[in-house]
């Protein structure tokens, strides 16, 4: 197999992954479960500022259909539901941790660049 064909397969695999993880909320929902394991709906809702009940419900359903999240109805009064990652869903854990590390580094980089630009602007005045 040529290098070009391998690269095209890799790009297609990334496209497939993004189809499953697309949108503003899915990776954050998976992150909530990676860091806290079992989560009730309200706990996930509290982890994600700005998501509506309806949107969270839709995203959880999508993740469940893609075999990444398991929904368990608990025998409690009132009935409660917990969500956790499937064994397959846990395969995303390293990706989540790597994204977190990159996000911290990126935030620091952007803040540092912003400060350096501000200092250059002041020095020019």
PDB file of N, CA and C in Angstrom:
ATOM      1  N   UNK A   1       0.849  -1.177   0.000  1.00  0.00           N
ATOM      2  CA  UNK A   1       0.000   0.000   0.000  1.00  0.00           C
ATOM      3  C   UNK A   1       0.895   1.241   0.000  1.00  0.00           C
ATOM      4  N   UNK A   2       0.593   2.177  -0.877  1.00  0.00           N
ATOM      5  CA  UNK A   2       1.427   3.363  -0.965  1.00  0.00           C
ATOM      6  C   UNK A   2       1.166   4.304   0.202  1.00  0.00           C
ATOM      7  N   UNK A   3       2.121   5.201   0.416  1.00  0.00           N
ATOM      8  CA  UNK A   3       2.004   6.172   1.514  1.00  0.00           C
ATOM      9  C   UNK A   3       0.778   7.061   1.311  1.00  0.00           C
ATOM     10  N   UNK A   4       0.519   7.443   0.071  1.00  0.00           N
ATOM     11  CA  UNK A   4      -0.638   8.302  -0.212  1.00  0.00           C
ATOM     12  C   UNK A   4      -1.952   7.610   0.159  1.00  0.00           C
ATOM     13  N   UNK A   5      -2.066   6.324  -0.160  1.00  0.00           N
ATOM     14  CA  UNK A   5      -3.280   5.567   0.182  1.00  0.00           C
ATOM     15  C   UNK A   5      -3.419   5.462   1.701  1.00  0.00           C
ATOM     16  N   UNK A   6      -2.306   5.245   2.397  1.00  0.00           N
ATOM     17  CA  UNK A   6      -2.343   5.186   3.875  1.00  0.00           C
ATOM     18  C   UNK A   6      -2.829   6.510   4.448  1.00  0.00           C
ATOM     19  N   UNK A   7      -2.306   7.611   3.916  1.00  0.00           N
ATOM     20  CA  UNK A   7      -2.721   8.928   4.403  1.00  0.00           C
ATOM     21  C   UNK A   7      -4.208   9.167   4.139  1.00  0.00           C
ATOM     22  N   UNK A   8      -4.678   8.748   2.973  1.00  0.00           N
ATOM     23  CA  UNK A   8      -6.107   8.920   2.657  1.00  0.00           C
ATOM     24  C   UNK A   8      -6.967   8.092   3.610  1.00  0.00           C
ATOM     25  N   UNK A   9      -6.509   6.882   3.935  1.00  0.00           N
ATOM     26  CA  UNK A   9      -7.250   6.041   4.891  1.00  0.00           C
ATOM     27  C   UNK A   9      -7.255   6.690   6.275  1.00  0.00           C
ATOM     28  N   UNK A  10      -6.125   7.281   6.669  1.00  0.00           N
ATOM     29  CA  UNK A  10      -6.039   7.963   7.960  1.00  0.00           C
ATOM     30  C   UNK A  10      -6.986   9.162   8.007  1.00  0.00           C
ATOM     31  N   UNK A  11      -7.007   9.923   6.941  1.00  0.00           N
ATOM     32  CA  UNK A  11      -7.895  11.092   6.878  1.00  0.00           C
ATOM     33  C   UNK A  11      -9.352  10.645   6.912  1.00  0.00           C
ATOM     34  N   UNK A  12      -9.685   9.572   6.208  1.00  0.00           N
ATOM     35  CA  UNK A  12     -11.042   9.035   6.231  1.00  0.00           C
ATOM     36  C   UNK A  12     -11.410   8.561   7.637  1.00  0.00           C
ATOM     37  N   UNK A  13     -10.463   7.924   8.330  1.00  0.00           N
ATOM     38  CA  UNK A  13     -10.717   7.457   9.701  1.00  0.00           C
ATOM     39  C   UNK A  13     -10.988   8.646  10.623  1.00  0.00           C
ATOM     40  N   UNK A  14     -10.257   9.729  10.456  1.00  0.00           N
ATOM     41  CA  UNK A  14     -10.508  10.940  11.252  1.00  0.00           C
ATOM     42  C   UNK A  14     -11.879  11.499  10.928  1.00  0.00           C
ATOM     43  N   UNK A  15     -12.242  11.499   9.674  1.00  0.00           N
ATOM     44  CA  UNK A  15     -13.573  11.963   9.263  1.00  0.00           C
ATOM     45  C   UNK A  15     -14.662  11.112   9.923  1.00  0.00           C
ATOM     46  N   UNK A  16     -14.470   9.796   9.923  1.00  0.00           N
ATOM     47  CA  UNK A  16     -15.438   8.894  10.564  1.00  0.00           C
ATOM     48  C   UNK A  16     -15.550   9.191  12.057  1.00  0.00           C
ATOM     49  N   UNK A  17     -14.402   9.395  12.715  1.00  0.00           N
ATOM     50  CA  UNK A  17     -14.414   9.707  14.145  1.00  0.00           C
ATOM     51  C   UNK A  17     -15.144  11.020  14.411  1.00  0.00           C
ATOM     52  N   UNK A  18     -14.901  12.000  13.580  1.00  0.00           N
ATOM     53  CA  UNK A  18     -15.552  13.299  13.764  1.00  0.00           C
ATOM     54  C   UNK A  18     -17.053  13.212  13.515  1.00  0.00           C
ATOM     55  N   UNK A  19     -17.485  12.322  12.636  1.00  0.00           N
ATOM     56  CA  UNK A  19     -18.920  12.111  12.441  1.00  0.00           C
ATOM     57  C   UNK A  19     -19.586  11.656  13.736  1.00  0.00           C
ATOM     58  N   UNK A  20     -18.906  10.800  14.493  1.00  0.00           N
ATOM     59  CA  UNK A  20     -19.458  10.281  15.743  1.00  0.00           C
ATOM     60  C   UNK A  20     -19.352  11.319  16.858  1.00  0.00           C
ATOM     61  N   UNK A  21     -18.261  12.078  16.891  1.00  0.00           N
ATOM     62  CA  UNK A  21     -17.979  12.999  17.997  1.00  0.00           C
ATOM     63  C   UNK A  21     -18.304  14.452  17.666  1.00  0.00           C
ATOM     64  N   UNK A  22     -18.999  14.674  16.557  1.00  0.00           N
ATOM     65  CA  UNK A  22     -19.238  16.045  16.096  1.00  0.00           C
ATOM     66  C   UNK A  22     -20.132  16.828  17.041  1.00  0.00           C
ATOM     67  N   UNK A  23     -20.104  18.120  16.874  1.00  0.00           N
ATOM     68  CA  UNK A  23     -20.955  18.993  17.666  1.00  0.00           C
ATOM     69  C   UNK A  23     -20.206  19.589  18.839  1.00  0.00           C
ATOM     70  N   UNK A  24     -20.878  20.498  19.473  1.00  0.00           N
ATOM     71  CA  UNK A  24     -20.277  21.268  20.550  1.00  0.00           C
ATOM     72  C   UNK A  24     -20.152  20.476  21.850  1.00  0.00           C
ATOM     73  N   UNK A  25     -20.981  19.458  22.062  1.00  0.00           N
ATOM     74  CA  UNK A  25     -21.133  18.875  23.389  1.00  0.00           C
ATOM     75  C   UNK A  25     -20.623  17.458  23.585  1.00  0.00           C
ATOM     76  N   UNK A  26     -20.510  16.656  22.537  1.00  0.00           N
ATOM     77  CA  UNK A  26     -20.239  15.232  22.726  1.00  0.00           C
ATOM     78  C   UNK A  26     -18.930  14.959  23.457  1.00  0.00           C
ATOM     79  N   UNK A  27     -17.874  15.622  23.080  1.00  0.00           N
ATOM     80  CA  UNK A  27     -16.593  15.368  23.738  1.00  0.00           C
ATOM     81  C   UNK A  27     -16.650  15.820  25.195  1.00  0.00           C
ATOM     82  N   UNK A  28     -17.363  16.910  25.466  1.00  0.00           N
ATOM     83  CA  UNK A  28     -17.505  17.370  26.853  1.00  0.00           C
ATOM     84  C   UNK A  28     -18.315  16.375  27.682  1.00  0.00           C
ATOM     85  N   UNK A  29     -19.336  15.789  27.096  1.00  0.00           N
ATOM     86  CA  UNK A  29     -20.144  14.776  27.795  1.00  0.00           C
ATOM     87  C   UNK A  29     -19.278  13.552  28.105  1.00  0.00           C
ATOM     88  N   UNK A  30     -18.523  13.103  27.118  1.00  0.00           N
ATOM     89  CA  UNK A  30     -17.627  11.963  27.320  1.00  0.00           C
ATOM     90  C   UNK A  30     -16.594  12.303  28.397  1.00  0.00           C
ATOM     91  N   UNK A  31     -16.089  13.525  28.377  1.00  0.00           N
ATOM     92  CA  UNK A  31     -15.118  13.963  29.387  1.00  0.00           C
ATOM     93  C   UNK A  31     -15.697  13.875  30.788  1.00  0.00           C
ATOM     94  N   UNK A  32     -16.936  14.307  30.939  1.00  0.00           N
ATOM     95  CA  UNK A  32     -17.593  14.253  32.243  1.00  0.00           C
ATOM     96  C   UNK A  32     -17.575  12.825  32.780  1.00  0.00           C
ATOM     97  N   UNK A  33     -17.857  11.882  31.917  1.00  0.00           N
ATOM     98  CA  UNK A  33     -17.882  10.479  32.344  1.00  0.00           C
ATOM     99  C   UNK A  33     -16.477   9.913  32.533  1.00  0.00           C
ATOM    100  N   UNK A  34     -15.505  10.396  31.763  1.00  0.00           N
ATOM    101  CA  UNK A  34     -14.116   9.954  31.948  1.00  0.00           C
ATOM    102  C   UNK A  34     -13.594  10.383  33.318  1.00  0.00           C
ATOM    103  N   UNK A  35     -13.912  11.591  33.707  1.00  0.00           N
ATOM    104  CA  UNK A  35     -13.368  12.118  34.957  1.00  0.00           C
ATOM    105  C   UNK A  35     -14.168  11.689  36.180  1.00  0.00           C
ATOM    106  N   UNK A  36     -15.477  11.453  36.009  1.00  0.00           N
ATOM    107  CA  UNK A  36     -16.323  11.151  37.159  1.00  0.00           C
ATOM    108  C   UNK A  36     -16.982   9.776  37.107  1.00  0.00           C
ATOM    109  N   UNK A  37     -16.781   9.031  36.021  1.00  0.00           N
ATOM    110  CA  UNK A  37     -17.360   7.698  35.841  1.00  0.00           C
ATOM    111  C   UNK A  37     -18.885   7.771  35.772  1.00  0.00           C
ATOM    112  N   UNK A  38     -19.608   7.134  36.691  1.00  0.00           N
ATOM    113  CA  UNK A  38     -21.077   7.154  36.634  1.00  0.00           C
ATOM    114  C   UNK A  38     -21.587   8.574  36.865  1.00  0.00           C
ATOM    115  N   UNK A  39     -22.508   9.001  35.997  1.00  0.00           N
ATOM    116  CA  UNK A  39     -23.063  10.352  36.132  1.00  0.00           C
ATOM    117  C   UNK A  39     -24.556  10.300  35.935  1.00  0.00           C
ATOM    118  N   UNK A  40     -25.262  11.021  36.777  1.00  0.00           N
ATOM    119  CA  UNK A  40     -26.692  11.215  36.552  1.00  0.00           C
ATOM    120  C   UNK A  40     -26.856  12.372  35.573  1.00  0.00           C
ATOM    121  N   UNK A  41     -28.028  12.420  34.950  1.00  0.00           N
ATOM    122  CA  UNK A  41     -28.322  13.447  33.946  1.00  0.00           C
ATOM    123  C   UNK A  41     -28.027  14.835  34.512  1.00  0.00           C
ATOM    124  N   UNK A  42     -28.535  15.107  35.711  1.00  0.00           N
ATOM    125  CA  UNK A  42     -28.371  16.436  36.311  1.00  0.00           C
ATOM    126  C   UNK A  42     -26.901  16.762  36.583  1.00  0.00           C
ATOM    127  N   UNK A  43     -26.093  15.745  36.891  1.00  0.00           N
ATOM    128  CA  UNK A  43     -24.665  15.979  37.129  1.00  0.00           C
ATOM    129  C   UNK A  43     -23.955  16.368  35.834  1.00  0.00           C
ATOM    130  N   UNK A  44     -24.302  15.688  34.755  1.00  0.00           N
ATOM    131  CA  UNK A  44     -23.714  16.043  33.459  1.00  0.00           C
ATOM    132  C   UNK A  44     -24.160  17.446  33.081  1.00  0.00           C
ATOM    133  N   UNK A  45     -25.429  17.741  33.286  1.00  0.00           N
ATOM    134  CA  UNK A  45     -25.970  19.066  32.988  1.00  0.00           C
ATOM    135  C   UNK A  45     -25.197  20.144  33.747  1.00  0.00           C
ATOM    136  N   UNK A  46     -24.867  19.878  35.002  1.00  0.00           N
ATOM    137  CA  UNK A  46     -24.101  20.840  35.806  1.00  0.00           C
ATOM    138  C   UNK A  46     -22.655  20.965  35.346  1.00  0.00           C
ATOM    139  N   UNK A  47     -22.104  19.891  34.766  1.00  0.00           N
ATOM    140  CA  UNK A  47     -20.728  19.936  34.261  1.00  0.00           C
ATOM    141  C   UNK A  47     -20.601  20.803  33.015  1.00  0.00           C
ATOM    142  N   UNK A  48     -21.665  20.894  32.239  1.00  0.00           N
ATOM    143  CA  UNK A  48     -21.614  21.547  30.932  1.00  0.00           C
ATOM    144  C   UNK A  48     -22.439  22.832  30.946  1.00  0.00           C
ATOM    145  N   UNK A  49     -21.784  23.929  31.133  1.00  0.00           N
ATOM    146  CA  UNK A  49     -22.479  25.207  31.199  1.00  0.00           C
ATOM    147  C   UNK A  49     -22.971  25.610  29.814  1.00  0.00           C
ATOM    148  N   UNK A  50     -24.272  25.869  29.723  1.00  0.00           N
ATOM    149  CA  UNK A  50     -24.851  26.350  28.474  1.00  0.00           C
ATOM    150  C   UNK A  50     -25.640  25.323  27.685  1.00  0.00           C
ATOM    151  N   UNK A  51     -25.590  24.062  28.070  1.00  0.00           N
ATOM    152  CA  UNK A  51     -26.357  23.046  27.337  1.00  0.00           C
ATOM    153  C   UNK A  51     -27.765  22.971  27.933  1.00  0.00           C
ATOM    154  N   UNK A  52     -28.746  22.775  27.065  1.00  0.00           N
ATOM    155  CA  UNK A  52     -30.130  22.641  27.529  1.00  0.00           C
ATOM    156  C   UNK A  52     -30.432  21.174  27.836  1.00  0.00           C
ATOM    157  N   UNK A  53     -31.497  20.949  28.602  1.00  0.00           N
ATOM    158  CA  UNK A  53     -31.934  19.577  28.890  1.00  0.00           C
ATOM    159  C   UNK A  53     -32.186  18.808  27.599  1.00  0.00           C
ATOM    160  N   UNK A  54     -32.881  19.466  26.678  1.00  0.00           N
ATOM    161  CA  UNK A  54     -33.240  18.822  25.411  1.00  0.00           C
ATOM    162  C   UNK A  54     -31.986  18.441  24.611  1.00  0.00           C
ATOM    163  N   UNK A  55     -31.019  19.344  24.555  1.00  0.00           N
ATOM    164  CA  UNK A  55     -29.788  19.067  23.804  1.00  0.00           C
ATOM    165  C   UNK A  55     -28.984  17.955  24.466  1.00  0.00           C
ATOM    166  N   UNK A  56     -28.881  17.980  25.791  1.00  0.00           N
ATOM    167  CA  UNK A  56     -28.150  16.922  26.494  1.00  0.00           C
ATOM    168  C   UNK A  56     -28.805  15.569  26.248  1.00  0.00           C
ATOM    169  N   UNK A  57     -30.120  15.531  26.302  1.00  0.00           N
ATOM    170  CA  UNK A  57     -30.848  14.289  26.061  1.00  0.00           C
ATOM    171  C   UNK A  57     -30.552  13.759  24.657  1.00  0.00           C
ATOM    172  N   UNK A  58     -30.568  14.643  23.670  1.00  0.00           N
ATOM    173  CA  UNK A  58     -30.292  14.248  22.285  1.00  0.00           C
ATOM    174  C   UNK A  58     -28.862  13.728  22.139  1.00  0.00           C
ATOM    175  N   UNK A  59     -27.909  14.436  22.726  1.00  0.00           N
ATOM    176  CA  UNK A  59     -26.502  14.035  22.610  1.00  0.00           C
ATOM    177  C   UNK A  59     -26.261  12.689  23.294  1.00  0.00           C
ATOM    178  N   UNK A  60     -26.860  12.483  24.468  1.00  0.00           N
ATOM    179  CA  UNK A  60     -26.706  11.205  25.160  1.00  0.00           C
ATOM    180  C   UNK A  60     -27.293  10.066  24.335  1.00  0.00           C
ATOM    181  N   UNK A  61     -28.426  10.323  23.695  1.00  0.00           N
ATOM    182  CA  UNK A  61     -29.042   9.306  22.830  1.00  0.00           C
ATOM    183  C   UNK A  61     -28.114   8.946  21.671  1.00  0.00           C
ATOM    184  N   UNK A  62     -27.523   9.968  21.045  1.00  0.00           N
ATOM    185  CA  UNK A  62     -26.584   9.733  19.938  1.00  0.00           C
ATOM    186  C   UNK A  62     -25.382   8.913  20.407  1.00  0.00           C
ATOM    187  N   UNK A  63     -24.842   9.270  21.567  1.00  0.00           N
ATOM    188  CA  UNK A  63     -23.686   8.541  22.091  1.00  0.00           C
ATOM    189  C   UNK A  63     -24.049   7.105  22.445  1.00  0.00           C
ATOM    190  N   UNK A  64     -25.266   6.919  22.919  1.00  0.00           N
ATOM    191  CA  UNK A  64     -25.752   5.573  23.228  1.00  0.00           C
ATOM    192  C   UNK A  64     -25.896   4.748  21.943  1.00  0.00           C
ATOM    193  N   UNK A  65     -26.436   5.356  20.895  1.00  0.00           N
ATOM    194  CA  UNK A  65     -26.601   4.661  19.615  1.00  0.00           C
ATOM    195  C   UNK A  65     -25.254   4.255  19.020  1.00  0.00           C
ATOM    196  N   UNK A  66     -24.222   5.055  19.310  1.00  0.00           N
ATOM    197  CA  UNK A  66     -22.888   4.750  18.803  1.00  0.00           C
ATOM    198  C   UNK A  66     -22.082   3.874  19.756  1.00  0.00           C
ATOM    199  N   UNK A  67     -22.770   3.315  20.762  1.00  0.00           N
ATOM    200  CA  UNK A  67     -22.181   2.339  21.687  1.00  0.00           C
ATOM    201  C   UNK A  67     -21.053   2.914  22.541  1.00  0.00           C
ATOM    202  N   UNK A  68     -21.079   4.236  22.786  1.00  0.00           N
ATOM    203  CA  UNK A  68     -20.066   4.876  23.613  1.00  0.00           C
ATOM    204  C   UNK A  68     -20.543   5.075  25.049  1.00  0.00           C
ATOM    205  N   UNK A  69     -21.859   5.193  25.214  1.00  0.00           N
ATOM    206  CA  UNK A  69     -22.450   5.478  26.521  1.00  0.00           C
ATOM    207  C   UNK A  69     -23.527   4.449  26.817  1.00  0.00           C
ATOM    208  N   UNK A  70     -23.599   4.046  28.071  1.00  0.00           N
ATOM    209  CA  UNK A  70     -24.632   3.123  28.528  1.00  0.00           C
ATOM    210  C   UNK A  70     -25.560   3.876  29.476  1.00  0.00           C
ATOM    211  N   UNK A  71     -26.843   3.696  29.284  1.00  0.00           N
ATOM    212  CA  UNK A  71     -27.883   4.294  30.128  1.00  0.00           C
ATOM    213  C   UNK A  71     -28.450   3.191  31.007  1.00  0.00           C
ATOM    214  N   UNK A  72     -28.471   3.434  32.328  1.00  0.00           N
ATOM    215  CA  UNK A  72     -28.984   2.446  33.268  1.00  0.00           C
ATOM    216  C   UNK A  72     -30.071   3.094  34.111  1.00  0.00           C
ATOM    217  N   UNK A  73     -31.272   2.494  34.081  1.00  0.00           N
ATOM    218  CA  UNK A  73     -32.377   2.970  34.913  1.00  0.00           C
ATOM    219  C   UNK A  73     -32.245   2.287  36.267  1.00  0.00           C
ATOM    220  N   UNK A  74     -32.179   3.093  37.318  1.00  0.00           N
ATOM    221  CA  UNK A  74     -32.006   2.568  38.666  1.00  0.00           C
ATOM    222  C   UNK A  74     -33.354   2.327  39.313  1.00  0.00           C
ATOM    223  N   UNK A  75     -33.434   1.296  40.116  1.00  0.00           N
ATOM    224  CA  UNK A  75     -34.682   0.933  40.809  1.00  0.00           C
ATOM    225  C   UNK A  75     -34.791   1.762  42.091  1.00  0.00           C
ATOM    226  N   UNK A  76     -35.064   3.045  41.910  1.00  0.00           N
ATOM    227  CA  UNK A  76     -35.198   3.966  43.044  1.00  0.00           C
ATOM    228  C   UNK A  76     -36.529   4.690  42.939  1.00  0.00           C
ATOM    229  N   UNK A  77     -36.916   5.327  44.026  1.00  0.00           N
ATOM    230  CA  UNK A  77     -38.121   6.154  44.006  1.00  0.00           C
ATOM    231  C   UNK A  77     -37.716   7.553  44.409  1.00  0.00           C
ATOM    232  N   UNK A  78     -37.883   8.550  43.561  1.00  0.00           N
ATOM    233  CA  UNK A  78     -38.302   8.418  42.163  1.00  0.00           C
ATOM    234  C   UNK A  78     -37.225   7.723  41.326  1.00  0.00           C
ATOM    235  N   UNK A  79     -37.647   7.263  40.168  1.00  0.00           N
ATOM    236  CA  UNK A  79     -36.732   6.565  39.266  1.00  0.00           C
ATOM    237  C   UNK A  79     -35.602   7.517  38.886  1.00  0.00           C
ATOM    238  N   UNK A  80     -34.391   7.014  38.910  1.00  0.00           N
ATOM    239  CA  UNK A  80     -33.260   7.815  38.452  1.00  0.00           C
ATOM    240  C   UNK A  80     -32.475   7.025  37.409  1.00  0.00           C
ATOM    241  N   UNK A  81     -31.720   7.743  36.647  1.00  0.00           N
ATOM    242  CA  UNK A  81     -30.965   7.152  35.541  1.00  0.00           C
ATOM    243  C   UNK A  81     -29.508   7.554  35.695  1.00  0.00           C
ATOM    244  N   UNK A  82     -28.614   6.616  35.461  1.00  0.00           N
ATOM    245  CA  UNK A  82     -27.191   6.958  35.448  1.00  0.00           C
ATOM    246  C   UNK A  82     -26.633   6.633  34.065  1.00  0.00           C
ATOM    247  N   UNK A  83     -25.599   7.351  33.724  1.00  0.00           N
ATOM    248  CA  UNK A  83     -24.917   7.153  32.452  1.00  0.00           C
ATOM    249  C   UNK A  83     -23.458   6.871  32.754  1.00  0.00           C
ATOM    250  N   UNK A  84     -22.888   5.984  31.990  1.00  0.00           N
ATOM    251  CA  UNK A  84     -21.454   5.761  32.066  1.00  0.00           C
ATOM    252  C   UNK A  84     -20.952   5.313  30.704  1.00  0.00           C
ATOM    253  N   UNK A  85     -19.646   5.365  30.559  1.00  0.00           N
ATOM    254  CA  UNK A  85     -19.044   4.939  29.301  1.00  0.00           C
ATOM    255  C   UNK A  85     -19.077   3.423  29.202  1.00  0.00           C
ATOM    256  N   UNK A  86     -19.300   2.948  28.007  1.00  0.00           N
ATOM    257  CA  UNK A  86     -19.183   1.519  27.740  1.00  0.00           C
ATOM    258  C   UNK A  86     -17.686   1.177  27.715  1.00  0.00           C
ATOM    259  N   UNK A  87     -17.384  -0.101  27.668  1.00  0.00           N
ATOM    260  CA  UNK A  87     -15.981  -0.498  27.531  1.00  0.00           C
ATOM    261  C   UNK A  87     -15.382   0.139  26.278  1.00  0.00           C
ATOM    262  N   UNK A  88     -16.158   0.150  25.220  1.00  0.00           N
ATOM    263  CA  UNK A  88     -15.731   0.780  23.968  1.00  0.00           C
ATOM    264  C   UNK A  88     -15.567   2.290  24.155  1.00  0.00           C
ATOM    265  N   UNK A  89     -16.466   2.917  24.889  1.00  0.00           N
ATOM    266  CA  UNK A  89     -16.378   4.347  25.162  1.00  0.00           C
ATOM    267  C   UNK A  89     -15.113   4.717  25.920  1.00  0.00           C
ATOM    268  N   UNK A  90     -14.686   3.817  26.813  1.00  0.00           N
ATOM    269  CA  UNK A  90     -13.451   4.073  27.569  1.00  0.00           C
ATOM    270  C   UNK A  90     -12.229   4.128  26.666  1.00  0.00           C
ATOM    271  N   UNK A  91     -12.339   3.599  25.442  1.00  0.00           N
ATOM    272  CA  UNK A  91     -11.205   3.665  24.511  1.00  0.00           C
ATOM    273  C   UNK A  91     -10.877   5.112  24.131  1.00  0.00           C
ATOM    274  N   UNK A  92     -11.772   6.043  24.455  1.00  0.00           N
ATOM    275  CA  UNK A  92     -11.545   7.464  24.173  1.00  0.00           C
ATOM    276  C   UNK A  92     -10.818   8.186  25.315  1.00  0.00           C
ATOM    277  N   UNK A  93     -10.573   7.502  26.416  1.00  0.00           N
ATOM    278  CA  UNK A  93     -10.004   8.153  27.597  1.00  0.00           C
ATOM    279  C   UNK A  93      -8.675   8.854  27.298  1.00  0.00           C
ATOM    280  N   UNK A  94      -7.758   8.189  26.616  1.00  0.00           N
ATOM    281  CA  UNK A  94      -6.470   8.826  26.310  1.00  0.00           C
ATOM    282  C   UNK A  94      -6.651  10.043  25.417  1.00  0.00           C
ATOM    283  N   UNK A  95      -7.582   9.967  24.478  1.00  0.00           N
ATOM    284  CA  UNK A  95      -7.880  11.116  23.627  1.00  0.00           C
ATOM    285  C   UNK A  95      -8.376  12.292  24.469  1.00  0.00           C
ATOM    286  N   UNK A  96      -9.244  12.022  25.428  1.00  0.00           N
ATOM    287  CA  UNK A  96      -9.780  13.071  26.308  1.00  0.00           C
ATOM    288  C   UNK A  96      -8.653  13.694  27.119  1.00  0.00           C
ATOM    289  N   UNK A  97      -7.797  12.865  27.701  1.00  0.00           N
ATOM    290  CA  UNK A  97      -6.685  13.383  28.498  1.00  0.00           C
ATOM    291  C   UNK A  97      -5.712  14.187  27.628  1.00  0.00           C
ATOM    292  N   UNK A  98      -5.448  13.698  26.414  1.00  0.00           N
ATOM    293  CA  UNK A  98      -4.563  14.437  25.505  1.00  0.00           C
ATOM    294  C   UNK A  98      -5.185  15.775  25.103  1.00  0.00           C
ATOM    295  N   UNK A  99      -6.487  15.782  24.846  1.00  0.00           N
ATOM    296  CA  UNK A  99      -7.163  17.041  24.518  1.00  0.00           C
ATOM    297  C   UNK A  99      -7.100  18.021  25.687  1.00  0.00           C
ATOM    298  N   UNK A 100      -7.259  17.518  26.893  1.00  0.00           N
ATOM    299  CA  UNK A 100      -7.164  18.361  28.082  1.00  0.00           C
ATOM    300  C   UNK A 100      -5.769  18.974  28.195  1.00  0.00           C
ATOM    301  N   UNK A 101      -4.748  18.146  28.031  1.00  0.00           N
ATOM    302  CA  UNK A 101      -3.368  18.649  28.097  1.00  0.00           C
ATOM    303  C   UNK A 101      -3.118  19.694  27.019  1.00  0.00           C
ATOM    304  N   UNK A 102      -3.564  19.401  25.799  1.00  0.00           N
ATOM    305  CA  UNK A 102      -3.375  20.353  24.702  1.00  0.00           C
ATOM    306  C   UNK A 102      -4.140  21.648  24.984  1.00  0.00           C
ATOM    307  N   UNK A 103      -5.359  21.534  25.500  1.00  0.00           N
ATOM    308  CA  UNK A 103      -6.162  22.721  25.802  1.00  0.00           C
ATOM    309  C   UNK A 103      -5.500  23.611  26.839  1.00  0.00           C
ATOM    310  N   UNK A 104      -4.919  23.019  27.863  1.00  0.00           N
ATOM    311  CA  UNK A 104      -4.201  23.807  28.880  1.00  0.00           C
ATOM    312  C   UNK A 104      -3.000  24.511  28.257  1.00  0.00           C
ATOM    313  N   UNK A 105      -2.236  23.778  27.459  1.00  0.00           N
ATOM    314  CA  UNK A 105      -1.066  24.352  26.797  1.00  0.00           C
ATOM    315  C   UNK A 105      -1.488  25.477  25.850  1.00  0.00           C
ATOM    316  N   UNK A 106      -2.548  25.240  25.104  1.00  0.00           N
ATOM    317  CA  UNK A 106      -3.028  26.245  24.152  1.00  0.00           C
ATOM    318  C   UNK A 106      -3.485  27.512  24.875  1.00  0.00           C
ATOM    319  N   UNK A 107      -4.237  27.355  25.952  1.00  0.00           N
ATOM    320  CA  UNK A 107      -4.698  28.515  26.722  1.00  0.00           C
ATOM    321  C   UNK A 107      -3.504  29.324  27.222  1.00  0.00           C
ATOM    322  N   UNK A 108      -2.503  28.634  27.782  1.00  0.00           N
ATOM    323  CA  UNK A 108      -1.301  29.323  28.262  1.00  0.00           C
ATOM    324  C   UNK A 108      -0.584  30.038  27.123  1.00  0.00           C
ATOM    325  N   UNK A 109      -0.466  29.367  25.980  1.00  0.00           N
ATOM    326  CA  UNK A 109       0.197  29.955  24.812  1.00  0.00           C
ATOM    327  C   UNK A 109      -0.516  31.218  24.348  1.00  0.00           C
ATOM    328  N   UNK A 110      -1.830  31.138  24.214  1.00  0.00           N
ATOM    329  CA  UNK A 110      -2.600  32.291  23.734  1.00  0.00           C
ATOM    330  C   UNK A 110      -2.515  33.442  24.730  1.00  0.00           C
ATOM    331  N   UNK A 111      -2.622  33.137  26.015  1.00  0.00           N
ATOM    332  CA  UNK A 111      -2.512  34.198  27.026  1.00  0.00           C
ATOM    333  C   UNK A 111      -1.122  34.830  27.011  1.00  0.00           C
ATOM    334  N   UNK A 112      -0.091  33.989  26.893  1.00  0.00           N
ATOM    335  CA  UNK A 112       1.279  34.497  26.856  1.00  0.00           C
ATOM    336  C   UNK A 112       1.496  35.367  25.617  1.00  0.00           C
ATOM    337  N   UNK A 113       1.006  34.903  24.465  1.00  0.00           N
ATOM    338  CA  UNK A 113       1.127  35.687  23.228  1.00  0.00           C
ATOM    339  C   UNK A 113       0.392  37.021  23.360  1.00  0.00           C
ATOM    340  N   UNK A 114      -0.791  36.981  23.971  1.00  0.00           N
ATOM    341  CA  UNK A 114      -1.553  38.207  24.163  1.00  0.00           C
ATOM    342  C   UNK A 114      -0.810  39.200  25.041  1.00  0.00           C
ATOM    343  N   UNK A 115      -0.180  38.709  26.104  1.00  0.00           N
ATOM    344  CA  UNK A 115       0.588  39.579  26.991  1.00  0.00           C
ATOM    345  C   UNK A 115       1.804  40.152  26.271  1.00  0.00           C
ATOM    346  N   UNK A 116       2.483  39.323  25.483  1.00  0.00           N
ATOM    347  CA  UNK A 116       3.661  39.791  24.745  1.00  0.00           C
ATOM    348  C   UNK A 116       3.257  40.847  23.713  1.00  0.00           C
ATOM    349  N   UNK A 117       2.131  40.638  23.037  1.00  0.00           N
ATOM    350  CA  UNK A 117       1.657  41.631  22.072  1.00  0.00           C
ATOM    351  C   UNK A 117       1.294  42.936  22.767  1.00  0.00           C
ATOM    352  N   UNK A 118       0.659  42.840  23.936  1.00  0.00           N
ATOM    353  CA  UNK A 118       0.309  44.043  24.686  1.00  0.00           C
ATOM    354  C   UNK A 118       1.554  44.781  25.131  1.00  0.00           C
ATOM    355  N   UNK A 119       2.580  44.051  25.547  1.00  0.00           N
ATOM    356  CA  UNK A 119       3.826  44.682  25.980  1.00  0.00           C
ATOM    357  C   UNK A 119       4.530  45.359  24.807  1.00  0.00           C
ATOM    358  N   UNK A 120       4.494  44.732  23.615  1.00  0.00           N
ATOM    359  CA  UNK A 120       5.094  45.349  22.427  1.00  0.00           C
ATOM    360  C   UNK A 120       4.364  46.616  22.054  1.00  0.00           C
ATOM    361  N   UNK A 121       3.036  46.593  22.162  1.00  0.00           N
ATOM    362  CA  UNK A 121       2.236  47.762  21.824  1.00  0.00           C
ATOM    363  C   UNK A 121       2.565  48.910  22.779  1.00  0.00           C
ATOM    364  N   UNK A 122       2.683  48.622  24.062  1.00  0.00           N
ATOM    365  CA  UNK A 122       3.017  49.648  25.051  1.00  0.00           C
ATOM    366  C   UNK A 122       4.414  50.187  24.784  1.00  0.00           C
ATOM    367  N   UNK A 123       5.353  49.290  24.437  1.00  0.00           N
ATOM    368  CA  UNK A 123       6.732  49.706  24.183  1.00  0.00           C
ATOM    369  C   UNK A 123       6.817  50.600  22.953  1.00  0.00           C
ATOM    370  N   UNK A 124       5.930  50.412  21.981  1.00  0.00           N
ATOM    371  CA  UNK A 124       5.945  51.200  20.762  1.00  0.00           C
ATOM    372  C   UNK A 124       5.377  52.591  20.972  1.00  0.00           C
ATOM    373  N   UNK A 125       4.555  52.753  21.977  1.00  0.00           N
ATOM    374  CA  UNK A 125       3.885  54.049  22.222  1.00  0.00           C
ATOM    375  C   UNK A 125       4.803  55.045  22.796  1.00  0.00           C
TER     376      UNK A 125
END
